[in-house]
Amino acid sequence: MNSRLVAINVLIEVFDKEGYSNIALNKALNKYPLNDKDKGLVTEIVYGTIKYRYTIDKILSKYVDRDLSKVQPEILNILRISIYQFRYLDKVPDYAVVNESVSLAKKISIKASKFVNGILRSYLRNPFSELETNNYIEKLCFDYSYPKWMVELFTKQYGKEKTEDILKGLNSTPMMTVRVNPLKISYDEAFNLLEEKGYELEEGYICPEAICIHKGSSIENNELFNKGYITVQDESAMIVSPLMEPEERQVFFDLCSAPGGKTTHLGELLNNTGKVYAFDIHNHKLKLIKDNSERLGLKNIALNEMDSTKLNVNYINSADGVLLDVPCSGLGIIRKKPEIKWSKSLKSLKDLIKIQRAIMDNGAEYLKDGGTLIYSTCTLNKGENEENIKWFLQKHKNFKLEKIFFGNAENIIYSEEGYVTLLPNKYMDGFFVAKLKKDKRS
């Protein structure tokens, strides 16, 4: 199977059928017998084309004599991956890109191959490389390839300078990070064993249990992973569970627990004592947590299928700590899921807030007096973050924000109020977290 044809099929799944890039790509890579080099090329082309779609389409619109929505999806995506390779990939010669793309188009029709050939040769004769505009927003949209509404949102909430840092960070290639399971192995032992197996490593950016992997074979096939010594988790997500300051035999609720990274982290920090109740609305996602818990050797995880937007009176005043890693727009994880750029809208962001606030209300009810509530998201939208905390404190007068500190890394924004925003970089996703304490009754 031609690697570029595989990439085109994945892009159609993502762009035209609203599929998830990671799922569509993994399915395709498992389906077709490609060697490692071709798998790498498919992955590069798929993620790169999704990431830079705005810029690619802006360029194509200069050469295509009709609206791009009127171009057959197969042909449009042949053109997209071609422009991506011309503009962003040095390793493939231009003539090879043209020949390969024309051959792919010929499988559709002779007419399609002539159309593709004409567009690509027009581009190479007179490449459109830079948008001439004095409009700051339009320039950022083109240079970093983001929809206008998203750039406007970030600029309004963070200012021009930080917005450009955010856009760069969200376009960076994510680094694989693993969390060491202290129940089974020490940090140094895990680090040394991974190095012995040929992985290029460095210590975590801000988390003491994190190991960053620069190069190496698939972690999921590694013996250390299969034996439960390590777990794949972004470093931004590792900061959450330790904020609970869990003590052995305490009880914790994780109201939106799938896929279970924070749940199992809490279980480890409790030294396999106490109980972590993992709630999720989707039963099939709880199966993932069950499998992970068993792999890690955790006996203190209890799985519960539940809609956390609805209050369950049986759980009121039951937990020493409640974790609310609520469903969010995911604007902080674009470097891993670049299709978020094109699948979200301002309206979809606003629709989430009602869900988030219902979960916050219920979490407050489940918490014992004197307990800790952690609110976190993987978005950078302040409407889902700071504004929700302000709303919550206005409504729940028996809660206070507690200040948290993760060191002086340059991507951390500490607010005067106490909540924290992590800006995305090569080490971690964009993230927001707040720690709240429920008053003790006098």
Protein backbone atom coordinates (compact mmCIF):
# COMPACT_ATOMS: atom_id res chain seq x y z
CA MET A 1 0.00 0.00 0.00
CA ASN A 2 1.36 3.43 -0.98
CA SER A 3 2.25 5.38 2.18
CA ARG A 4 0.85 8.67 0.82
CA LEU A 5 -2.42 6.97 -0.08
CA VAL A 6 -2.64 5.71 3.50
CA ALA A 7 -2.09 9.29 4.71
CA ILE A 8 -4.85 10.58 2.41
CA ASN A 9 -7.31 7.97 3.72
CA VAL A 10 -6.53 9.02 7.30
CA LEU A 11 -6.99 12.72 6.44
CA ILE A 12 -10.39 12.02 4.86
CA GLU A 13 -11.37 10.18 8.04
CA VAL A 14 -10.35 13.20 10.15
CA PHE A 15 -11.45 16.12 7.95
CA ASP A 16 -14.60 14.70 6.34
CA LYS A 17 -15.82 12.16 8.89
CA GLU A 18 -14.75 14.02 12.06
CA GLY A 19 -12.55 11.14 13.23
CA TYR A 20 -9.82 11.43 15.87
CA SER A 21 -6.35 11.68 14.34
CA ASN A 22 -4.66 9.24 16.75
CA ILE A 23 -7.37 6.58 16.37
CA ALA A 24 -7.63 6.91 12.57
CA LEU A 25 -3.84 6.84 12.19
CA ASN A 26 -3.28 3.84 14.49
CA LYS A 27 -6.06 1.93 12.72
CA ALA A 28 -4.46 2.60 9.32
CA LEU A 29 -0.93 1.74 10.47
CA ASN A 30 -2.17 -1.56 11.90
CA LYS A 31 -4.21 -2.34 8.78
CA TYR A 32 -1.54 -1.89 6.11
CA PRO A 33 1.85 -3.69 6.00
CA LEU A 34 4.19 -0.69 6.03
CA ASN A 35 7.82 -0.71 7.15
CA ASP A 36 8.96 1.58 9.97
CA LYS A 37 10.25 4.23 7.56
CA ASP A 38 6.92 4.41 5.71
CA LYS A 39 5.00 4.44 9.00
CA GLY A 40 7.11 7.41 10.07
CA LEU A 41 6.38 9.22 6.80
CA VAL A 42 2.63 8.59 7.08
CA THR A 43 2.63 9.87 10.67
CA GLU A 44 4.63 12.97 9.70
CA ILE A 45 2.37 13.80 6.74
CA VAL A 46 -0.89 13.17 8.62
CA TYR A 47 -0.10 15.21 11.73
CA GLY A 48 1.69 17.91 9.74
CA THR A 49 -1.14 18.37 7.26
CA ILE A 50 -3.75 18.53 10.03
CA LYS A 51 -1.61 20.95 12.03
CA TYR A 52 -1.01 23.33 9.10
CA ARG A 53 -4.36 22.98 7.31
CA TYR A 54 -5.28 26.67 7.55
CA THR A 55 -2.01 27.79 5.92
CA ILE A 56 -2.09 25.00 3.32
CA ASP A 57 -5.67 25.83 2.30
CA LYS A 58 -4.86 29.54 2.18
CA ILE A 59 -2.02 28.74 -0.24
CA LEU A 60 -4.13 26.37 -2.34
CA SER A 61 -6.88 28.97 -2.69
CA LYS A 62 -4.39 31.12 -4.63
CA TYR A 63 -4.01 28.41 -7.31
CA VAL A 64 -7.33 26.55 -7.38
CA ASP A 65 -10.01 28.27 -9.48
CA ARG A 66 -12.93 27.28 -7.26
CA ASP A 67 -13.88 27.09 -3.60
CA LEU A 68 -11.92 24.27 -1.95
CA SER A 69 -15.16 22.79 -0.59
CA LYS A 70 -16.09 22.04 -4.22
CA VAL A 71 -12.94 19.95 -4.79
CA GLN A 72 -13.34 16.17 -4.41
CA PRO A 73 -11.96 15.19 -0.93
CA GLU A 74 -9.45 12.68 -2.35
CA ILE A 75 -8.03 15.27 -4.76
CA LEU A 76 -8.06 18.06 -2.18
CA ASN A 77 -6.08 15.94 0.26
CA ILE A 78 -3.57 14.96 -2.44
CA LEU A 79 -3.01 18.70 -2.94
CA ARG A 80 -2.83 19.31 0.81
CA ILE A 81 -0.16 16.72 1.48
CA SER A 82 1.79 18.01 -1.53
CA ILE A 83 1.84 21.60 -0.25
CA TYR A 84 2.75 20.30 3.21
CA GLN A 85 5.75 18.45 1.78
CA PHE A 86 6.84 21.44 -0.34
CA ARG A 87 6.58 23.91 2.52
CA TYR A 88 7.44 21.95 5.66
CA LEU A 89 9.40 18.81 4.66
CA ASP A 90 12.94 19.00 3.29
CA LYS A 91 13.58 15.29 2.91
CA VAL A 92 11.40 14.74 -0.20
CA PRO A 93 12.51 16.44 -3.46
CA ASP A 94 9.86 18.62 -5.13
CA TYR A 95 9.86 16.58 -8.37
CA ALA A 96 9.22 13.39 -6.37
CA VAL A 97 6.27 15.02 -4.59
CA VAL A 98 4.75 16.05 -7.94
CA ASN A 99 5.28 12.64 -9.55
CA GLU A 100 3.84 10.78 -6.56
CA SER A 101 0.81 13.09 -6.31
CA VAL A 102 0.04 12.92 -10.03
CA SER A 103 0.25 9.11 -9.89
CA LEU A 104 -2.20 9.05 -6.98
CA ALA A 105 -4.58 11.39 -8.81
CA LYS A 106 -4.37 9.23 -11.96
CA LYS A 107 -6.00 6.41 -9.97
CA ILE A 108 -9.04 8.67 -9.69
CA SER A 109 -9.05 9.87 -13.31
CA ILE A 110 -6.81 11.31 -16.03
CA LYS A 111 -8.64 14.62 -15.60
CA ALA A 112 -7.80 14.63 -11.87
CA SER A 113 -4.12 13.94 -12.56
CA LYS A 114 -3.93 16.86 -15.00
CA PHE A 115 -5.66 19.12 -12.46
CA VAL A 116 -3.22 18.13 -9.69
CA ASN A 117 -0.21 18.43 -12.00
CA GLY A 118 -1.25 21.92 -13.10
CA ILE A 119 -1.83 23.21 -9.55
CA LEU A 120 1.45 21.87 -8.18
CA ARG A 121 3.57 23.10 -11.08
CA SER A 122 1.94 26.54 -10.82
CA TYR A 123 2.90 26.62 -7.17
CA LEU A 124 6.51 25.59 -7.86
CA ARG A 125 6.85 28.22 -10.61
CA ASN A 126 5.55 30.96 -8.34
CA PRO A 127 5.39 29.80 -4.69
CA PHE A 128 3.13 31.73 -2.34
CA SER A 129 5.08 31.81 0.92
CA GLU A 130 4.07 34.81 2.98
CA LEU A 131 0.80 36.60 3.63
CA GLU A 132 1.14 40.31 3.03
CA THR A 133 -1.03 41.96 5.65
CA ASN A 134 -0.80 44.55 8.38
CA ASN A 135 -3.45 42.70 10.38
CA TYR A 136 -1.73 41.06 13.36
CA ILE A 137 -4.43 38.39 13.83
CA GLU A 138 -4.43 37.38 10.15
CA LYS A 139 -0.64 37.12 10.17
CA LEU A 140 -0.65 34.83 13.22
CA CYS A 141 -3.38 32.69 11.65
CA PHE A 142 -1.29 32.20 8.51
CA ASP A 143 2.15 31.87 10.12
CA TYR A 144 1.07 29.33 12.77
CA SER A 145 -2.03 27.91 11.05
CA TYR A 146 -4.93 28.52 13.44
CA PRO A 147 -8.56 29.53 12.89
CA LYS A 148 -9.23 33.22 13.37
CA TRP A 149 -11.63 32.79 16.31
CA MET A 150 -9.00 30.87 18.31
CA VAL A 151 -6.24 33.42 17.74
CA GLU A 152 -8.65 36.22 18.68
CA LEU A 153 -9.61 34.34 21.86
CA PHE A 154 -6.00 33.80 22.96
CA THR A 155 -5.04 37.40 22.10
CA LYS A 156 -7.95 38.76 24.12
CA GLN A 157 -7.19 36.53 27.12
CA TYR A 158 -3.37 36.47 27.12
CA GLY A 159 -2.17 39.44 25.06
CA LYS A 160 -0.11 39.43 21.84
CA GLU A 161 3.25 38.23 23.15
CA LYS A 162 1.94 35.27 25.17
CA THR A 163 -0.44 34.33 22.36
CA GLU A 164 2.46 33.82 19.97
CA ASP A 165 4.21 31.66 22.61
CA ILE A 166 1.01 29.61 22.99
CA LEU A 167 0.65 29.09 19.24
CA LYS A 168 4.29 28.01 18.95
CA GLY A 169 3.96 25.67 21.93
CA LEU A 170 0.79 24.05 20.58
CA ASN A 171 2.55 23.45 17.25
CA SER A 172 5.59 21.83 18.90
CA THR A 173 6.19 18.10 18.58
CA PRO A 174 5.12 16.46 21.85
CA MET A 175 7.71 14.57 23.85
CA MET A 176 6.86 11.17 25.28
CA THR A 177 6.77 11.30 29.09
CA VAL A 178 6.36 8.43 31.53
CA ARG A 179 5.55 8.34 35.24
CA VAL A 180 7.48 5.94 37.45
CA ASN A 181 5.38 3.66 39.68
CA PRO A 182 7.05 3.80 43.14
CA LEU A 183 5.14 0.71 44.28
CA LYS A 184 7.23 -1.43 41.93
CA ILE A 185 10.51 0.36 41.20
CA SER A 186 12.61 3.35 42.21
CA TYR A 187 13.02 6.33 39.90
CA ASP A 188 16.75 5.71 39.41
CA GLU A 189 16.23 2.02 38.63
CA ALA A 190 13.58 2.80 36.01
CA PHE A 191 15.74 5.53 34.46
CA ASN A 192 18.78 3.23 34.25
CA LEU A 193 16.81 0.29 32.82
CA LEU A 194 15.32 2.48 30.08
CA GLU A 195 18.78 3.84 29.24
CA GLU A 196 20.14 0.29 29.03
CA LYS A 197 17.42 -0.50 26.48
CA GLY A 198 18.61 2.33 24.24
CA TYR A 199 16.23 5.15 25.15
CA GLU A 200 17.53 8.73 25.14
CA LEU A 201 16.19 10.29 28.35
CA GLU A 202 16.16 13.30 30.59
CA GLU A 203 14.61 13.96 33.96
CA GLY A 204 11.17 15.54 34.16
CA TYR A 205 10.69 19.24 33.52
CA ILE A 206 8.84 19.94 36.79
CA CYS A 207 7.66 16.57 38.18
CA PRO A 208 10.00 14.36 40.24
CA GLU A 209 8.32 11.15 39.03
CA ALA A 210 8.58 12.07 35.32
CA ILE A 211 11.03 10.74 32.74
CA CYS A 212 11.15 12.47 29.33
CA ILE A 213 11.94 10.23 26.36
CA HIS A 214 13.68 11.81 23.38
CA LYS A 215 14.29 8.67 21.33
CA GLY A 216 13.52 4.98 21.57
CA SER A 217 11.21 2.19 20.46
CA SER A 218 7.50 2.02 21.32
CA ILE A 219 7.05 2.28 25.11
CA GLU A 220 3.84 0.21 25.08
CA ASN A 221 5.89 -2.77 23.86
CA ASN A 222 8.55 -2.27 26.52
CA GLU A 223 8.94 -4.74 29.39
CA LEU A 224 8.93 -1.94 31.99
CA PHE A 225 5.54 -0.74 30.76
CA ASN A 226 4.04 -4.23 30.58
CA LYS A 227 5.21 -5.00 34.13
CA GLY A 228 3.62 -1.80 35.46
CA TYR A 229 6.85 -0.03 36.34
CA ILE A 230 5.94 3.01 34.25
CA THR A 231 2.84 4.72 32.84
CA VAL A 232 2.61 7.03 29.84
CA GLN A 233 1.31 10.40 31.06
CA ASP A 234 1.91 14.00 30.06
CA GLU A 235 3.86 15.88 32.69
CA SER A 236 1.14 18.54 32.95
CA ALA A 237 -1.28 15.83 34.12
CA MET A 238 1.24 14.53 36.69
CA ILE A 239 1.03 17.73 38.74
CA VAL A 240 -2.59 17.11 39.77
CA SER A 241 -2.75 14.10 42.10
CA PRO A 242 0.13 15.17 44.42
CA LEU A 243 -1.80 18.40 45.12
CA MET A 244 -4.23 16.28 47.15
CA GLU A 245 -1.39 15.56 49.62
CA PRO A 246 -2.95 12.13 50.15
CA GLU A 247 -2.45 10.26 53.38
CA GLU A 248 -2.72 6.50 53.67
CA ARG A 249 -6.24 5.06 54.09
CA GLN A 250 -7.97 8.23 52.90
CA VAL A 251 -10.85 8.16 50.39
CA PHE A 252 -10.80 10.08 47.10
CA PHE A 253 -13.29 10.62 44.28
CA ASP A 254 -12.19 11.18 40.68
CA LEU A 255 -15.43 12.28 39.04
CA CYS A 256 -14.24 12.26 35.39
CA SER A 257 -11.63 9.56 35.66
CA ALA A 258 -11.03 8.10 32.18
CA PRO A 259 -8.49 7.24 30.88
CA GLY A 260 -7.25 6.92 34.47
CA GLY A 261 -3.82 8.55 34.62
CA LYS A 262 -4.66 10.75 37.60
CA THR A 263 -6.73 8.00 39.24
CA THR A 264 -3.86 5.52 39.21
CA HIS A 265 -1.39 8.22 40.26
CA LEU A 266 -3.53 8.81 43.37
CA GLY A 267 -3.62 5.07 44.00
CA GLU A 268 0.19 4.96 43.90
CA LEU A 269 0.54 8.00 46.18
CA LEU A 270 -1.76 6.29 48.70
CA ASN A 271 0.74 3.41 48.76
CA ASN A 272 -2.04 1.05 47.63
CA THR A 273 -4.10 1.82 50.76
CA GLY A 274 -7.35 3.74 51.17
CA LYS A 275 -9.69 3.95 48.20
CA VAL A 276 -9.91 5.91 44.97
CA TYR A 277 -13.41 5.86 43.48
CA ALA A 278 -13.11 6.28 39.72
CA PHE A 279 -16.33 7.57 38.16
CA ASP A 280 -17.05 7.88 34.46
CA ILE A 281 -20.17 8.07 32.33
CA HIS A 282 -18.79 5.57 29.78
CA ASN A 283 -18.47 1.98 30.91
CA HIS A 284 -16.00 1.04 28.14
CA LYS A 285 -13.64 3.75 29.42
CA LEU A 286 -13.75 2.27 32.91
CA LYS A 287 -12.39 -0.95 31.37
CA LEU A 288 -9.24 1.02 30.39
CA ILE A 289 -8.80 2.11 34.01
CA LYS A 290 -9.32 -1.47 35.22
CA ASP A 291 -6.64 -2.76 32.84
CA ASN A 292 -4.22 0.01 33.84
CA SER A 293 -4.83 -0.54 37.56
CA GLU A 294 -4.14 -4.26 37.22
CA ARG A 295 -0.96 -3.62 35.22
CA LEU A 296 0.26 -1.22 37.93
CA GLY A 297 -0.61 -3.65 40.73
CA LEU A 298 -3.18 -1.32 42.33
CA LYS A 299 -5.81 -2.83 44.63
CA ASN A 300 -7.34 0.43 45.88
CA ILE A 301 -9.23 1.57 42.74
CA ALA A 302 -13.03 1.17 42.70
CA LEU A 303 -14.77 1.66 39.34
CA ASN A 304 -18.21 3.26 39.12
CA GLU A 305 -20.28 4.08 36.04
CA MET A 306 -21.98 7.41 36.80
CA ASP A 307 -23.02 10.68 35.17
CA SER A 308 -21.18 13.22 37.32
CA THR A 309 -23.45 16.07 36.21
CA LYS A 310 -26.21 14.45 38.29
CA LEU A 311 -25.99 14.48 42.10
CA ASN A 312 -25.82 11.08 43.80
CA VAL A 313 -27.05 11.64 47.36
CA ASN A 314 -25.39 8.41 48.53
CA TYR A 315 -21.96 10.04 48.19
CA ILE A 316 -22.55 13.34 50.00
CA ASN A 317 -19.80 14.18 52.54
CA SER A 318 -17.94 10.95 51.74
CA ALA A 319 -14.55 11.93 50.30
CA ASP A 320 -11.38 13.37 51.82
CA GLY A 321 -10.52 14.74 48.40
CA VAL A 322 -12.38 15.22 45.12
CA LEU A 323 -10.67 15.53 41.75
CA LEU A 324 -12.57 17.33 39.00
CA ASP A 325 -10.64 16.93 35.75
CA VAL A 326 -13.70 18.06 33.84
CA PRO A 327 -14.58 17.59 30.15
CA CYS A 328 -13.18 20.62 28.34
CA SER A 329 -12.42 22.06 24.92
CA GLY A 330 -8.89 20.61 24.94
CA LEU A 331 -7.25 23.76 23.58
CA GLY A 332 -4.14 22.88 25.61
CA ILE A 333 -3.53 19.52 23.90
CA ILE A 334 -3.52 20.64 20.26
CA ARG A 335 0.09 19.48 19.86
CA LYS A 336 -1.19 15.90 20.36
CA LYS A 337 -4.63 16.33 18.75
CA PRO A 338 -4.20 19.00 16.06
CA GLU A 339 -7.69 18.40 14.66
CA ILE A 340 -9.00 20.35 17.69
CA LYS A 341 -8.06 23.46 15.70
CA TRP A 342 -10.73 22.60 13.13
CA SER A 343 -13.31 20.65 15.16
CA LYS A 344 -14.04 23.24 17.87
CA SER A 345 -15.92 26.54 17.79
CA LEU A 346 -16.64 29.36 20.22
CA LYS A 347 -20.15 27.94 20.68
CA SER A 348 -18.81 24.49 21.56
CA LEU A 349 -16.62 26.10 24.25
CA LYS A 350 -19.59 27.90 25.80
CA ASP A 351 -21.73 24.76 25.75
CA LEU A 352 -19.20 22.97 27.98
CA ILE A 353 -19.41 25.46 30.83
CA LYS A 354 -22.85 24.28 31.98
CA ILE A 355 -21.53 20.70 32.21
CA GLN A 356 -18.38 21.78 34.06
CA ARG A 357 -20.32 23.79 36.62
CA ALA A 358 -22.77 20.97 37.32
CA ILE A 359 -19.82 18.66 38.06
CA MET A 360 -18.23 21.32 40.28
CA ASP A 361 -21.44 21.69 42.29
CA ASN A 362 -21.68 17.95 42.85
CA GLY A 363 -18.01 17.61 43.72
CA ALA A 364 -18.50 20.19 46.47
CA GLU A 365 -21.32 18.08 47.92
CA TYR A 366 -19.30 14.86 47.94
CA LEU A 367 -16.39 16.45 49.82
CA LYS A 368 -16.07 16.18 53.60
CA ASP A 369 -15.59 19.35 55.64
CA GLY A 370 -11.91 20.26 55.61
CA GLY A 371 -11.37 18.27 52.41
CA THR A 372 -9.51 19.24 49.24
CA LEU A 373 -11.07 19.83 45.84
CA ILE A 374 -8.83 19.97 42.76
CA TYR A 375 -10.23 21.47 39.55
CA SER A 376 -8.22 20.93 36.37
CA THR A 377 -8.57 21.15 32.60
CA CYS A 378 -6.38 20.66 29.54
CA THR A 379 -7.67 23.86 27.97
CA LEU A 380 -6.28 27.41 27.91
CA ASN A 381 -9.70 29.05 27.58
CA LYS A 382 -10.15 31.24 30.65
CA GLY A 383 -13.93 30.90 30.37
CA GLU A 384 -13.56 27.23 31.35
CA ASN A 385 -10.82 27.93 33.88
CA GLU A 386 -10.54 31.16 35.89
CA GLU A 387 -14.14 32.17 35.25
CA ASN A 388 -15.43 28.84 36.54
CA ILE A 389 -13.36 29.18 39.73
CA LYS A 390 -14.67 32.71 40.32
CA TRP A 391 -18.23 31.50 39.76
CA PHE A 392 -17.71 28.55 42.12
CA LEU A 393 -16.27 30.67 44.96
CA GLN A 394 -19.09 33.17 44.61
CA LYS A 395 -21.63 30.36 45.01
CA HIS A 396 -19.79 28.20 47.57
CA LYS A 397 -18.70 30.56 50.32
CA ASN A 398 -17.35 27.66 52.42
CA PHE A 399 -14.45 27.11 49.98
CA LYS A 400 -11.14 28.94 49.77
CA LEU A 401 -8.43 28.89 47.10
CA GLU A 402 -5.06 27.57 48.23
CA LYS A 403 -1.86 28.73 46.54
CA ILE A 404 0.18 26.09 44.74
CA PHE A 405 3.76 26.17 43.50
CA PHE A 406 5.60 24.04 40.95
CA GLY A 407 8.89 25.89 40.74
CA ASN A 408 10.03 28.68 38.44
CA ALA A 409 9.73 27.10 34.99
CA GLU A 410 9.20 29.79 32.37
CA ASN A 411 5.94 28.31 31.04
CA ILE A 412 4.09 28.55 34.39
CA ILE A 413 1.72 31.45 35.07
CA TYR A 414 0.91 31.92 38.77
CA SER A 415 -2.15 34.06 39.47
CA GLU A 416 -2.46 36.27 42.53
CA GLU A 417 -5.59 34.34 43.46
CA GLY A 418 -3.76 31.01 43.55
CA TYR A 419 -4.67 29.05 40.43
CA VAL A 420 -2.02 28.06 37.91
CA THR A 421 -1.82 27.93 34.11
CA LEU A 422 0.84 25.91 32.30
CA LEU A 423 1.59 27.16 28.80
CA PRO A 424 2.40 24.43 26.26
CA ASN A 425 5.98 23.68 25.26
CA LYS A 426 7.87 20.63 23.98
CA TYR A 427 7.72 19.06 27.45
CA MET A 428 4.06 19.43 28.31
CA ASP A 429 0.55 20.34 27.24
CA GLY A 430 -1.29 23.51 28.10
CA PHE A 431 -3.07 23.00 31.42
CA PHE A 432 -4.98 24.72 34.22
CA VAL A 433 -5.28 23.70 37.86
CA ALA A 434 -6.77 25.15 41.05
CA LYS A 435 -6.75 23.79 44.60
CA LEU A 436 -9.68 24.60 46.88
CA LYS A 437 -10.20 23.77 50.54
CA LYS A 438 -13.60 23.23 52.13
CA ASP A 439 -14.01 24.93 55.50
CA LYS A 440 -14.00 22.80 58.63
CA ARG A 441 -17.17 23.15 60.67
CA SER A 442 -16.59 25.05 63.90
